[in-house]
């Protein structure tokens, strides 16, 4: 994914040979090559910064998800420790009985 953003490989840098001119290496050729190397280094550091940001975001998300898992496990433990086996019908029946106690039995009216 990131390899296509880098022009030179380490092997290409190592094996680069410049043509000799009357006074040594051709300065334009060396300068052009060094410009490419500098560009690749800048791109590499940019990629490293992106990856560091992504890593930080993933670590934060991972911590949040772990906290959510802990919270859900705690809630599940509370539900599992609640005495009795309740279902909706049981809850409605109990609620109805409580309403009769609080508001009185209106079935005689």
C-alpha atoms as a PDB file:
ATOM      1  CA  UNK A   1       0.000   0.000   0.000  1.00  0.00           C
ATOM      2  CA  UNK A   2       2.739   2.438   0.935  1.00  0.00           C
ATOM      3  CA  UNK A   3       5.450   0.918  -1.258  1.00  0.00           C
ATOM      4  CA  UNK A   4       4.123   2.634  -4.378  1.00  0.00           C
ATOM      5  CA  UNK A   5       4.694   6.007  -2.682  1.00  0.00           C
ATOM      6  CA  UNK A   6       8.448   5.362  -2.378  1.00  0.00           C
ATOM      7  CA  UNK A   7      10.443   5.616  -5.619  1.00  0.00           C
ATOM      8  CA  UNK A   8      13.785   4.096  -4.614  1.00  0.00           C
ATOM      9  CA  UNK A   9      14.439   0.819  -2.880  1.00  0.00           C
ATOM     10  CA  UNK A  10      17.399   0.433  -0.520  1.00  0.00           C
ATOM     11  CA  UNK A  11      18.979  -1.874  -3.088  1.00  0.00           C
ATOM     12  CA  UNK A  12      18.673   0.780  -5.836  1.00  0.00           C
ATOM     13  CA  UNK A  13      20.334   3.366  -3.607  1.00  0.00           C
ATOM     14  CA  UNK A  14      23.143   0.976  -2.738  1.00  0.00           C
ATOM     15  CA  UNK A  15      23.761  -0.089  -6.334  1.00  0.00           C
ATOM     16  CA  UNK A  16      23.489   3.381  -7.929  1.00  0.00           C
ATOM     17  CA  UNK A  17      26.487   4.190 -10.121  1.00  0.00           C
ATOM     18  CA  UNK A  18      27.089   7.628 -11.560  1.00  0.00           C
ATOM     19  CA  UNK A  19      28.767   8.308 -14.884  1.00  0.00           C
ATOM     20  CA  UNK A  20      32.133   9.958 -14.711  1.00  0.00           C
ATOM     21  CA  UNK A  21      32.708  13.316 -16.301  1.00  0.00           C
ATOM     22  CA  UNK A  22      36.063  14.978 -16.941  1.00  0.00           C
ATOM     23  CA  UNK A  23      36.036  16.435 -13.434  1.00  0.00           C
ATOM     24  CA  UNK A  24      34.335  13.496 -11.658  1.00  0.00           C
ATOM     25  CA  UNK A  25      30.701  12.597 -11.364  1.00  0.00           C
ATOM     26  CA  UNK A  26      28.120  14.548 -13.321  1.00  0.00           C
ATOM     27  CA  UNK A  27      26.664  17.050 -10.808  1.00  0.00           C
ATOM     28  CA  UNK A  28      23.204  17.155 -12.419  1.00  0.00           C
ATOM     29  CA  UNK A  29      22.898  13.373 -12.259  1.00  0.00           C
ATOM     30  CA  UNK A  30      23.997  13.291  -8.607  1.00  0.00           C
ATOM     31  CA  UNK A  31      21.711  16.195  -7.685  1.00  0.00           C
ATOM     32  CA  UNK A  32      18.733  14.564  -9.421  1.00  0.00           C
ATOM     33  CA  UNK A  33      19.368  11.286  -7.615  1.00  0.00           C
ATOM     34  CA  UNK A  34      19.753  13.029  -4.248  1.00  0.00           C
ATOM     35  CA  UNK A  35      16.514  14.968  -4.859  1.00  0.00           C
ATOM     36  CA  UNK A  36      14.748  11.637  -5.351  1.00  0.00           C
ATOM     37  CA  UNK A  37      16.325  10.245  -2.178  1.00  0.00           C
ATOM     38  CA  UNK A  38      15.243  13.337  -0.207  1.00  0.00           C
ATOM     39  CA  UNK A  39      11.723  13.092  -1.624  1.00  0.00           C
ATOM     40  CA  UNK A  40      11.528   9.429  -0.613  1.00  0.00           C
ATOM     41  CA  UNK A  41      12.725  10.214   2.900  1.00  0.00           C
ATOM     42  CA  UNK A  42      10.119  12.951   3.273  1.00  0.00           C
ATOM     43  CA  UNK A  43       7.431  10.564   2.031  1.00  0.00           C
ATOM     44  CA  UNK A  44       8.657   7.832   4.369  1.00  0.00           C
ATOM     45  CA  UNK A  45       8.460  10.165   7.368  1.00  0.00           C
ATOM     46  CA  UNK A  46       4.990  11.238   6.270  1.00  0.00           C
ATOM     47  CA  UNK A  47       3.941   7.573   6.132  1.00  0.00           C
ATOM     48  CA  UNK A  48       5.419   6.963   9.588  1.00  0.00           C
ATOM     49  CA  UNK A  49       3.439   9.914  11.006  1.00  0.00           C
ATOM     50  CA  UNK A  50       0.226   8.579   9.395  1.00  0.00           C
ATOM     51  CA  UNK A  51       0.850   5.118  10.788  1.00  0.00           C
ATOM     52  CA  UNK A  52       1.579   6.545  14.244  1.00  0.00           C
ATOM     53  CA  UNK A  53      -1.724   8.453  14.181  1.00  0.00           C
ATOM     54  CA  UNK A  54      -3.565   5.327  13.017  1.00  0.00           C
ATOM     55  CA  UNK A  55      -1.872   3.297  15.735  1.00  0.00           C
ATOM     56  CA  UNK A  56      -2.828   5.847  18.400  1.00  0.00           C
ATOM     57  CA  UNK A  57      -6.455   5.854  17.192  1.00  0.00           C
ATOM     58  CA  UNK A  58      -6.579   2.067  17.201  1.00  0.00           C
ATOM     59  CA  UNK A  59      -5.109   1.872  20.699  1.00  0.00           C
ATOM     60  CA  UNK A  60      -7.713   4.350  21.979  1.00  0.00           C
ATOM     61  CA  UNK A  61     -10.532   2.462  20.250  1.00  0.00           C
ATOM     62  CA  UNK A  62      -9.219  -0.821  21.649  1.00  0.00           C
ATOM     63  CA  UNK A  63      -9.174   0.638  25.176  1.00  0.00           C
ATOM     64  CA  UNK A  64     -12.748   1.909  24.777  1.00  0.00           C
ATOM     65  CA  UNK A  65     -13.938  -1.464  23.519  1.00  0.00           C
ATOM     66  CA  UNK A  66     -12.210  -3.263  26.396  1.00  0.00           C
ATOM     67  CA  UNK A  67     -13.896  -0.892  28.853  1.00  0.00           C
ATOM     68  CA  UNK A  68     -17.250  -1.536  27.174  1.00  0.00           C
ATOM     69  CA  UNK A  69     -16.670  -5.291  27.460  1.00  0.00           C
ATOM     70  CA  UNK A  70     -15.862  -4.912  31.178  1.00  0.00           C
ATOM     71  CA  UNK A  71     -19.032  -2.862  31.699  1.00  0.00           C
ATOM     72  CA  UNK A  72     -21.164  -5.398  29.840  1.00  0.00           C
ATOM     73  CA  UNK A  73     -19.645  -8.295  31.802  1.00  0.00           C
ATOM     74  CA  UNK A  74     -20.426  -6.467  35.035  1.00  0.00           C
ATOM     75  CA  UNK A  75     -24.023  -5.896  33.951  1.00  0.00           C
ATOM     76  CA  UNK A  76     -24.312  -9.532  32.900  1.00  0.00           C
ATOM     77  CA  UNK A  77     -23.006 -10.663  36.286  1.00  0.00           C
ATOM     78  CA  UNK A  78     -25.633  -8.499  38.000  1.00  0.00           C
ATOM     79  CA  UNK A  79     -28.390  -9.952  35.833  1.00  0.00           C
ATOM     80  CA  UNK A  80     -27.167 -13.504  36.373  1.00  0.00           C
ATOM     81  CA  UNK A  81     -27.033 -12.988  40.154  1.00  0.00           C
ATOM     82  CA  UNK A  82     -30.619 -11.666  40.308  1.00  0.00           C
ATOM     83  CA  UNK A  83     -32.672 -14.275  42.175  1.00  0.00           C
ATOM     84  CA  UNK A  84     -35.426 -16.062  40.326  1.00  0.00           C
ATOM     85  CA  UNK A  85     -36.043 -16.668  36.726  1.00  0.00           C
ATOM     86  CA  UNK A  86     -38.076 -13.738  35.382  1.00  0.00           C
ATOM     87  CA  UNK A  87     -39.774 -13.326  32.080  1.00  0.00           C
ATOM     88  CA  UNK A  88     -42.089 -10.619  30.746  1.00  0.00           C
ATOM     89  CA  UNK A  89     -45.250 -12.372  31.907  1.00  0.00           C
ATOM     90  CA  UNK A  90     -43.883 -12.627  35.465  1.00  0.00           C
ATOM     91  CA  UNK A  91     -42.959  -8.954  35.460  1.00  0.00           C
ATOM     92  CA  UNK A  92     -46.398  -7.903  34.182  1.00  0.00           C
ATOM     93  CA  UNK A  93     -48.126 -10.061  36.808  1.00  0.00           C
ATOM     94  CA  UNK A  94     -46.002  -8.569  39.593  1.00  0.00           C
ATOM     95  CA  UNK A  95     -46.603  -5.057  38.277  1.00  0.00           C
ATOM     96  CA  UNK A  96     -50.333  -5.709  38.193  1.00  0.00           C
ATOM     97  CA  UNK A  97     -50.254  -6.965  41.787  1.00  0.00           C
ATOM     98  CA  UNK A  98     -48.328  -3.865  42.890  1.00  0.00           C
ATOM     99  CA  UNK A  99     -50.841  -1.589  41.145  1.00  0.00           C
ATOM    100  CA  UNK A 100     -53.672  -3.350  42.982  1.00  0.00           C
ATOM    101  CA  UNK A 101     -51.903  -2.791  46.278  1.00  0.00           C
ATOM    102  CA  UNK A 102     -51.088   0.867  45.590  1.00  0.00           C
ATOM    103  CA  UNK A 103     -54.273   1.950  43.837  1.00  0.00           C
ATOM    104  CA  UNK A 104     -56.617  -0.550  45.395  1.00  0.00           C
ATOM    105  CA  UNK A 105     -58.542  -3.330  43.768  1.00  0.00           C
ATOM    106  CA  UNK A 106     -60.777  -1.669  41.148  1.00  0.00           C
ATOM    107  CA  UNK A 107     -62.329  -4.930  39.971  1.00  0.00           C
ATOM    108  CA  UNK A 108     -65.380  -4.402  42.245  1.00  0.00           C
ATOM    109  CA  UNK A 109     -66.370  -1.125  40.602  1.00  0.00           C
END
